């Protein structure tokens, strides 16, 4: 089963993307994990290594899909 990780920072743009985008994902084909980088700051480096530059972002099988623009990853780090 493919893995999807949705990274966000809890901002209104991120929350809206989470509600909208994740509702369309077929969870019978994807193992979906939601990571709130503001609350789980130790995962920021992981997101950086995968190529996440801003949140919200969806990573499916190590391919990054940036969704809209809530905040840069640097802003989340400085949080």
PDB file of N, CA and C in Angstrom:
ATOM      1  N   UNK A   1       0.847  -1.168   0.000  1.00  0.00           N
ATOM      2  CA  UNK A   1       0.000   0.000   0.000  1.00  0.00           C
ATOM      3  C   UNK A   1       0.893   1.231   0.000  1.00  0.00           C
ATOM      4  N   UNK A   2       0.555   2.212  -0.805  1.00  0.00           N
ATOM      5  CA  UNK A   2       1.310   3.455  -0.877  1.00  0.00           C
ATOM      6  C   UNK A   2       1.126   4.258   0.402  1.00  0.00           C
ATOM      7  N   UNK A   3       2.135   5.070   0.717  1.00  0.00           N
ATOM      8  CA  UNK A   3       2.079   5.895   1.915  1.00  0.00           C
ATOM      9  C   UNK A   3       1.923   7.356   1.515  1.00  0.00           C
ATOM     10  N   UNK A   4       1.034   8.054   2.216  1.00  0.00           N
ATOM     11  CA  UNK A   4       0.837   9.488   2.020  1.00  0.00           C
ATOM     12  C   UNK A   4       1.000  10.174   3.364  1.00  0.00           C
ATOM     13  N   UNK A   5       1.754  11.276   3.369  1.00  0.00           N
ATOM     14  CA  UNK A   5       1.913  12.063   4.589  1.00  0.00           C
ATOM     15  C   UNK A   5       1.483  13.485   4.255  1.00  0.00           C
ATOM     16  N   UNK A   6       0.542  13.999   5.033  1.00  0.00           N
ATOM     17  CA  UNK A   6       0.064  15.369   4.875  1.00  0.00           C
ATOM     18  C   UNK A   6       0.714  16.203   5.975  1.00  0.00           C
ATOM     19  N   UNK A   7       1.584  17.131   5.566  1.00  0.00           N
ATOM     20  CA  UNK A   7       2.262  18.010   6.516  1.00  0.00           C
ATOM     21  C   UNK A   7       1.536  19.342   6.557  1.00  0.00           C
ATOM     22  N   UNK A   8       1.304  19.841   7.761  1.00  0.00           N
ATOM     23  CA  UNK A   8       0.673  21.145   7.902  1.00  0.00           C
ATOM     24  C   UNK A   8       1.119  21.794   9.200  1.00  0.00           C
ATOM     25  N   UNK A   9       0.716  23.065   9.376  1.00  0.00           N
ATOM     26  CA  UNK A   9       1.118  23.806  10.566  1.00  0.00           C
ATOM     27  C   UNK A   9      -0.080  24.317  11.365  1.00  0.00           C
ATOM     28  N   UNK A  10      -1.273  23.901  10.987  1.00  0.00           N
ATOM     29  CA  UNK A  10      -2.457  24.288  11.739  1.00  0.00           C
ATOM     30  C   UNK A  10      -3.059  25.617  11.332  1.00  0.00           C
ATOM     31  N   UNK A  11      -2.487  26.272  10.335  1.00  0.00           N
ATOM     32  CA  UNK A  11      -3.026  27.555   9.885  1.00  0.00           C
ATOM     33  C   UNK A  11      -4.347  27.327   9.148  1.00  0.00           C
ATOM     34  N   UNK A  12      -5.149  28.378   8.950  1.00  0.00           N
ATOM     35  CA  UNK A  12      -6.439  28.208   8.264  1.00  0.00           C
ATOM     36  C   UNK A  12      -6.315  27.580   6.873  1.00  0.00           C
ATOM     37  N   UNK A  13      -5.281  27.958   6.118  1.00  0.00           N
ATOM     38  CA  UNK A  13      -5.077  27.372   4.787  1.00  0.00           C
ATOM     39  C   UNK A  13      -4.825  25.871   4.905  1.00  0.00           C
ATOM     40  N   UNK A  14      -4.013  25.490   5.897  1.00  0.00           N
ATOM     41  CA  UNK A  14      -3.677  24.080   6.106  1.00  0.00           C
ATOM     42  C   UNK A  14      -4.899  23.266   6.524  1.00  0.00           C
ATOM     43  N   UNK A  15      -5.657  23.814   7.440  1.00  0.00           N
ATOM     44  CA  UNK A  15      -6.846  23.107   7.931  1.00  0.00           C
ATOM     45  C   UNK A  15      -7.851  22.926   6.804  1.00  0.00           C
ATOM     46  N   UNK A  16      -8.042  23.959   5.989  1.00  0.00           N
ATOM     47  CA  UNK A  16      -8.968  23.854   4.856  1.00  0.00           C
ATOM     48  C   UNK A  16      -8.474  22.807   3.864  1.00  0.00           C
ATOM     49  N   UNK A  17      -7.179  22.795   3.579  1.00  0.00           N
ATOM     50  CA  UNK A  17      -6.616  21.803   2.653  1.00  0.00           C
ATOM     51  C   UNK A  17      -6.781  20.402   3.213  1.00  0.00           C
ATOM     52  N   UNK A  18      -6.557  20.245   4.506  1.00  0.00           N
ATOM     53  CA  UNK A  18      -6.714  18.927   5.126  1.00  0.00           C
ATOM     54  C   UNK A  18      -8.143  18.428   4.951  1.00  0.00           C
ATOM     55  N   UNK A  19      -9.104  19.266   5.237  1.00  0.00           N
ATOM     56  CA  UNK A  19     -10.517  18.869   5.109  1.00  0.00           C
ATOM     57  C   UNK A  19     -10.885  18.539   3.669  1.00  0.00           C
ATOM     58  N   UNK A  20     -10.389  19.350   2.749  1.00  0.00           N
ATOM     59  CA  UNK A  20     -10.772  19.189   1.345  1.00  0.00           C
ATOM     60  C   UNK A  20     -10.009  18.068   0.654  1.00  0.00           C
ATOM     61  N   UNK A  21      -8.695  18.177   0.636  1.00  0.00           N
ATOM     62  CA  UNK A  21      -7.854  17.245  -0.125  1.00  0.00           C
ATOM     63  C   UNK A  21      -7.923  15.825   0.431  1.00  0.00           C
ATOM     64  N   UNK A  22      -7.776  15.697   1.735  1.00  0.00           N
ATOM     65  CA  UNK A  22      -7.729  14.352   2.306  1.00  0.00           C
ATOM     66  C   UNK A  22      -9.057  13.620   2.158  1.00  0.00           C
ATOM     67  N   UNK A  23     -10.129  14.366   2.020  1.00  0.00           N
ATOM     68  CA  UNK A  23     -11.423  13.736   1.796  1.00  0.00           C
ATOM     69  C   UNK A  23     -11.517  13.020   0.456  1.00  0.00           C
ATOM     70  N   UNK A  24     -10.664  13.400  -0.486  1.00  0.00           N
ATOM     71  CA  UNK A  24     -10.677  12.787  -1.814  1.00  0.00           C
ATOM     72  C   UNK A  24      -9.730  11.595  -1.951  1.00  0.00           C
ATOM     73  N   UNK A  25      -8.884  11.392  -0.973  1.00  0.00           N
ATOM     74  CA  UNK A  25      -7.929  10.291  -1.068  1.00  0.00           C
ATOM     75  C   UNK A  25      -8.599   8.951  -0.781  1.00  0.00           C
ATOM     76  N   UNK A  26      -8.259   7.968  -1.568  1.00  0.00           N
ATOM     77  CA  UNK A  26      -8.796   6.624  -1.404  1.00  0.00           C
ATOM     78  C   UNK A  26      -7.955   5.882  -0.366  1.00  0.00           C
ATOM     79  N   UNK A  27      -8.479   5.791   0.820  1.00  0.00           N
ATOM     80  CA  UNK A  27      -7.714   5.187   1.922  1.00  0.00           C
ATOM     81  C   UNK A  27      -7.599   3.669   1.793  1.00  0.00           C
ATOM     82  N   UNK A  28      -8.268   3.076   0.826  1.00  0.00           N
ATOM     83  CA  UNK A  28      -8.051   1.656   0.572  1.00  0.00           C
ATOM     84  C   UNK A  28      -6.780   1.449  -0.256  1.00  0.00           C
ATOM     85  N   UNK A  29      -6.269   2.554  -0.843  1.00  0.00           N
ATOM     86  CA  UNK A  29      -5.048   2.487  -1.639  1.00  0.00           C
ATOM     87  C   UNK A  29      -3.883   3.224  -1.000  1.00  0.00           C
ATOM     88  N   UNK A  30      -4.181   4.083  -0.019  1.00  0.00           N
ATOM     89  CA  UNK A  30      -3.156   4.894   0.617  1.00  0.00           C
ATOM     90  C   UNK A  30      -3.213   4.773   2.133  1.00  0.00           C
ATOM     91  N   UNK A  31      -2.063   4.602   2.729  1.00  0.00           N
ATOM     92  CA  UNK A  31      -1.930   4.683   4.172  1.00  0.00           C
ATOM     93  C   UNK A  31      -1.624   6.153   4.467  1.00  0.00           C
ATOM     94  N   UNK A  32      -2.594   6.885   5.032  1.00  0.00           N
ATOM     95  CA  UNK A  32      -2.486   8.334   5.211  1.00  0.00           C
ATOM     96  C   UNK A  32      -2.088   8.676   6.645  1.00  0.00           C
ATOM     97  N   UNK A  33      -1.063   9.526   6.756  1.00  0.00           N
ATOM     98  CA  UNK A  33      -0.634  10.039   8.051  1.00  0.00           C
ATOM     99  C   UNK A  33      -0.716  11.566   7.998  1.00  0.00           C
ATOM    100  N   UNK A  34      -1.212  12.169   9.047  1.00  0.00           N
ATOM    101  CA  UNK A  34      -1.296  13.620   9.140  1.00  0.00           C
ATOM    102  C   UNK A  34      -0.276  14.080  10.182  1.00  0.00           C
ATOM    103  N   UNK A  35       0.589  15.015   9.780  1.00  0.00           N
ATOM    104  CA  UNK A  35       1.639  15.508  10.666  1.00  0.00           C
ATOM    105  C   UNK A  35       1.474  17.016  10.838  1.00  0.00           C
ATOM    106  N   UNK A  36       1.178  17.426  12.058  1.00  0.00           N
ATOM    107  CA  UNK A  36       1.073  18.846  12.410  1.00  0.00           C
ATOM    108  C   UNK A  36       2.457  19.280  12.877  1.00  0.00           C
ATOM    109  N   UNK A  37       3.175  20.000  12.020  1.00  0.00           N
ATOM    110  CA  UNK A  37       4.563  20.357  12.316  1.00  0.00           C
ATOM    111  C   UNK A  37       4.689  21.351  13.461  1.00  0.00           C
ATOM    112  N   UNK A  38       3.641  22.095  13.752  1.00  0.00           N
ATOM    113  CA  UNK A  38       3.681  22.996  14.896  1.00  0.00           C
ATOM    114  C   UNK A  38       3.662  22.234  16.209  1.00  0.00           C
ATOM    115  N   UNK A  39       2.940  21.127  16.224  1.00  0.00           N
ATOM    116  CA  UNK A  39       2.829  20.304  17.430  1.00  0.00           C
ATOM    117  C   UNK A  39       3.888  19.207  17.476  1.00  0.00           C
ATOM    118  N   UNK A  40       4.360  18.780  16.322  1.00  0.00           N
ATOM    119  CA  UNK A  40       5.330  17.680  16.230  1.00  0.00           C
ATOM    120  C   UNK A  40       6.594  18.201  15.547  1.00  0.00           C
ATOM    121  N   UNK A  41       7.251  19.149  16.201  1.00  0.00           N
ATOM    122  CA  UNK A  41       8.374  19.873  15.609  1.00  0.00           C
ATOM    123  C   UNK A  41       9.561  18.978  15.251  1.00  0.00           C
ATOM    124  N   UNK A  42       9.679  17.841  15.896  1.00  0.00           N
ATOM    125  CA  UNK A  42      10.795  16.939  15.579  1.00  0.00           C
ATOM    126  C   UNK A  42      10.644  16.316  14.194  1.00  0.00           C
ATOM    127  N   UNK A  43       9.516  16.508  13.525  1.00  0.00           N
ATOM    128  CA  UNK A  43       9.315  15.971  12.170  1.00  0.00           C
ATOM    129  C   UNK A  43       9.658  16.999  11.082  1.00  0.00           C
ATOM    130  N   UNK A  44      10.027  18.221  11.473  1.00  0.00           N
ATOM    131  CA  UNK A  44      10.360  19.253  10.490  1.00  0.00           C
ATOM    132  C   UNK A  44      11.543  18.824   9.629  1.00  0.00           C
ATOM    133  N   UNK A  45      12.567  18.288  10.236  1.00  0.00           N
ATOM    134  CA  UNK A  45      13.742  17.853   9.471  1.00  0.00           C
ATOM    135  C   UNK A  45      13.363  16.781   8.445  1.00  0.00           C
ATOM    136  N   UNK A  46      12.524  15.857   8.851  1.00  0.00           N
ATOM    137  CA  UNK A  46      12.039  14.815   7.931  1.00  0.00           C
ATOM    138  C   UNK A  46      11.361  15.455   6.724  1.00  0.00           C
ATOM    139  N   UNK A  47      10.491  16.425   6.978  1.00  0.00           N
ATOM    140  CA  UNK A  47       9.790  17.109   5.889  1.00  0.00           C
ATOM    141  C   UNK A  47      10.787  17.806   4.969  1.00  0.00           C
ATOM    142  N   UNK A  48      11.772  18.464   5.544  1.00  0.00           N
ATOM    143  CA  UNK A  48      12.816  19.132   4.747  1.00  0.00           C
ATOM    144  C   UNK A  48      13.552  18.141   3.862  1.00  0.00           C
ATOM    145  N   UNK A  49      13.923  17.012   4.424  1.00  0.00           N
ATOM    146  CA  UNK A  49      14.670  16.005   3.669  1.00  0.00           C
ATOM    147  C   UNK A  49      13.861  15.447   2.504  1.00  0.00           C
ATOM    148  N   UNK A  50      12.549  15.434   2.651  1.00  0.00           N
ATOM    149  CA  UNK A  50      11.688  14.952   1.576  1.00  0.00           C
ATOM    150  C   UNK A  50      11.481  16.011   0.486  1.00  0.00           C
ATOM    151  N   UNK A  51      11.832  17.260   0.792  1.00  0.00           N
ATOM    152  CA  UNK A  51      11.684  18.332  -0.190  1.00  0.00           C
ATOM    153  C   UNK A  51      10.511  19.260   0.065  1.00  0.00           C
ATOM    154  N   UNK A  52       9.873  19.143   1.210  1.00  0.00           N
ATOM    155  CA  UNK A  52       8.773  20.042   1.542  1.00  0.00           C
ATOM    156  C   UNK A  52       9.349  21.435   1.758  1.00  0.00           C
ATOM    157  N   UNK A  53       8.797  22.418   1.056  1.00  0.00           N
ATOM    158  CA  UNK A  53       9.263  23.798   1.166  1.00  0.00           C
ATOM    159  C   UNK A  53       8.241  24.701   1.836  1.00  0.00           C
ATOM    160  N   UNK A  54       6.986  24.288   1.787  1.00  0.00           N
ATOM    161  CA  UNK A  54       5.920  25.064   2.409  1.00  0.00           C
ATOM    162  C   UNK A  54       4.794  24.111   2.788  1.00  0.00           C
ATOM    163  N   UNK A  55       3.946  24.594   3.670  1.00  0.00           N
ATOM    164  CA  UNK A  55       2.792  23.801   4.082  1.00  0.00           C
ATOM    165  C   UNK A  55       1.527  24.568   3.720  1.00  0.00           C
ATOM    166  N   UNK A  56       0.471  23.857   3.415  1.00  0.00           N
ATOM    167  CA  UNK A  56       0.316  22.417   3.466  1.00  0.00           C
ATOM    168  C   UNK A  56       1.001  21.727   2.287  1.00  0.00           C
ATOM    169  N   UNK A  57       1.436  20.512   2.543  1.00  0.00           N
ATOM    170  CA  UNK A  57       2.072  19.701   1.511  1.00  0.00           C
ATOM    171  C   UNK A  57       1.672  18.241   1.717  1.00  0.00           C
ATOM    172  N   UNK A  58       1.498  17.561   0.616  1.00  0.00           N
ATOM    173  CA  UNK A  58       1.166  16.144   0.636  1.00  0.00           C
ATOM    174  C   UNK A  58       2.311  15.395  -0.021  1.00  0.00           C
ATOM    175  N   UNK A  59       2.841  14.400   0.668  1.00  0.00           N
ATOM    176  CA  UNK A  59       3.929  13.585   0.124  1.00  0.00           C
ATOM    177  C   UNK A  59       3.386  12.177  -0.072  1.00  0.00           C
ATOM    178  N   UNK A  60       3.428  11.729  -1.325  1.00  0.00           N
ATOM    179  CA  UNK A  60       2.969  10.383  -1.657  1.00  0.00           C
ATOM    180  C   UNK A  60       4.145   9.654  -2.284  1.00  0.00           C
ATOM    181  N   UNK A  61       4.551   8.574  -1.644  1.00  0.00           N
ATOM    182  CA  UNK A  61       5.692   7.790  -2.121  1.00  0.00           C
ATOM    183  C   UNK A  61       6.889   8.681  -2.454  1.00  0.00           C
ATOM    184  N   UNK A  62       7.225   9.572  -1.525  1.00  0.00           N
ATOM    185  CA  UNK A  62       8.380  10.467  -1.618  1.00  0.00           C
ATOM    186  C   UNK A  62       8.278  11.533  -2.703  1.00  0.00           C
ATOM    187  N   UNK A  63       7.100  11.747  -3.266  1.00  0.00           N
ATOM    188  CA  UNK A  63       6.876  12.841  -4.220  1.00  0.00           C
ATOM    189  C   UNK A  63       6.080  13.916  -3.502  1.00  0.00           C
ATOM    190  N   UNK A  64       6.598  15.155  -3.536  1.00  0.00           N
ATOM    191  CA  UNK A  64       5.992  16.259  -2.794  1.00  0.00           C
ATOM    192  C   UNK A  64       5.019  17.031  -3.680  1.00  0.00           C
ATOM    193  N   UNK A  65       3.832  17.266  -3.143  1.00  0.00           N
ATOM    194  CA  UNK A  65       2.810  18.069  -3.798  1.00  0.00           C
ATOM    195  C   UNK A  65       2.472  19.221  -2.855  1.00  0.00           C
ATOM    196  N   UNK A  66       2.917  20.430  -3.220  1.00  0.00           N
ATOM    197  CA  UNK A  66       2.610  21.601  -2.404  1.00  0.00           C
ATOM    198  C   UNK A  66       1.198  22.065  -2.751  1.00  0.00           C
ATOM    199  N   UNK A  67       0.408  22.315  -1.722  1.00  0.00           N
ATOM    200  CA  UNK A  67      -0.998  22.679  -1.891  1.00  0.00           C
ATOM    201  C   UNK A  67      -1.181  24.099  -1.393  1.00  0.00           C
ATOM    202  N   UNK A  68      -1.553  25.010  -2.295  1.00  0.00           N
ATOM    203  CA  UNK A  68      -1.790  26.390  -1.903  1.00  0.00           C
ATOM    204  C   UNK A  68      -0.551  26.913  -1.187  1.00  0.00           C
ATOM    205  N   UNK A  69      -0.682  27.851  -0.285  1.00  0.00           N
ATOM    206  CA  UNK A  69       0.460  28.354   0.465  1.00  0.00           C
ATOM    207  C   UNK A  69      -0.030  28.876   1.803  1.00  0.00           C
ATOM    208  N   UNK A  70       0.337  28.165   2.861  1.00  0.00           N
ATOM    209  CA  UNK A  70      -0.010  28.592   4.199  1.00  0.00           C
ATOM    210  C   UNK A  70       1.157  29.251   4.881  1.00  0.00           C
ATOM    211  N   UNK A  71       2.330  28.603   4.801  1.00  0.00           N
ATOM    212  CA  UNK A  71       3.552  29.123   5.408  1.00  0.00           C
ATOM    213  C   UNK A  71       4.751  28.381   4.836  1.00  0.00           C
ATOM    214  N   UNK A  72       5.885  29.077   4.786  1.00  0.00           N
ATOM    215  CA  UNK A  72       7.111  28.407   4.360  1.00  0.00           C
ATOM    216  C   UNK A  72       7.573  27.492   5.497  1.00  0.00           C
ATOM    217  N   UNK A  73       8.333  26.491   5.162  1.00  0.00           N
ATOM    218  CA  UNK A  73       8.862  25.600   6.190  1.00  0.00           C
ATOM    219  C   UNK A  73       9.799  26.378   7.123  1.00  0.00           C
ATOM    220  N   UNK A  74      10.489  27.378   6.576  1.00  0.00           N
ATOM    221  CA  UNK A  74      11.349  28.216   7.412  1.00  0.00           C
ATOM    222  C   UNK A  74      10.514  28.965   8.462  1.00  0.00           C
ATOM    223  N   UNK A  75       9.353  29.470   8.077  1.00  0.00           N
ATOM    224  CA  UNK A  75       8.463  30.142   9.033  1.00  0.00           C
ATOM    225  C   UNK A  75       7.999  29.162  10.121  1.00  0.00           C
ATOM    226  N   UNK A  76       7.715  27.935   9.726  1.00  0.00           N
ATOM    227  CA  UNK A  76       7.293  26.919  10.711  1.00  0.00           C
ATOM    228  C   UNK A  76       8.443  26.636  11.677  1.00  0.00           C
ATOM    229  N   UNK A  77       9.663  26.545  11.145  1.00  0.00           N
ATOM    230  CA  UNK A  77      10.829  26.296  11.999  1.00  0.00           C
ATOM    231  C   UNK A  77      11.036  27.421  13.013  1.00  0.00           C
ATOM    232  N   UNK A  78      10.807  28.641  12.558  1.00  0.00           N
ATOM    233  CA  UNK A  78      11.007  29.811  13.423  1.00  0.00           C
ATOM    234  C   UNK A  78       9.840  30.003  14.389  1.00  0.00           C
ATOM    235  N   UNK A  79       8.722  29.336  14.075  1.00  0.00           N
ATOM    236  CA  UNK A  79       7.464  29.355  14.766  1.00  0.00           C
ATOM    237  C   UNK A  79       7.334  29.961  16.038  1.00  0.00           C
TER     238      UNK A  79
END
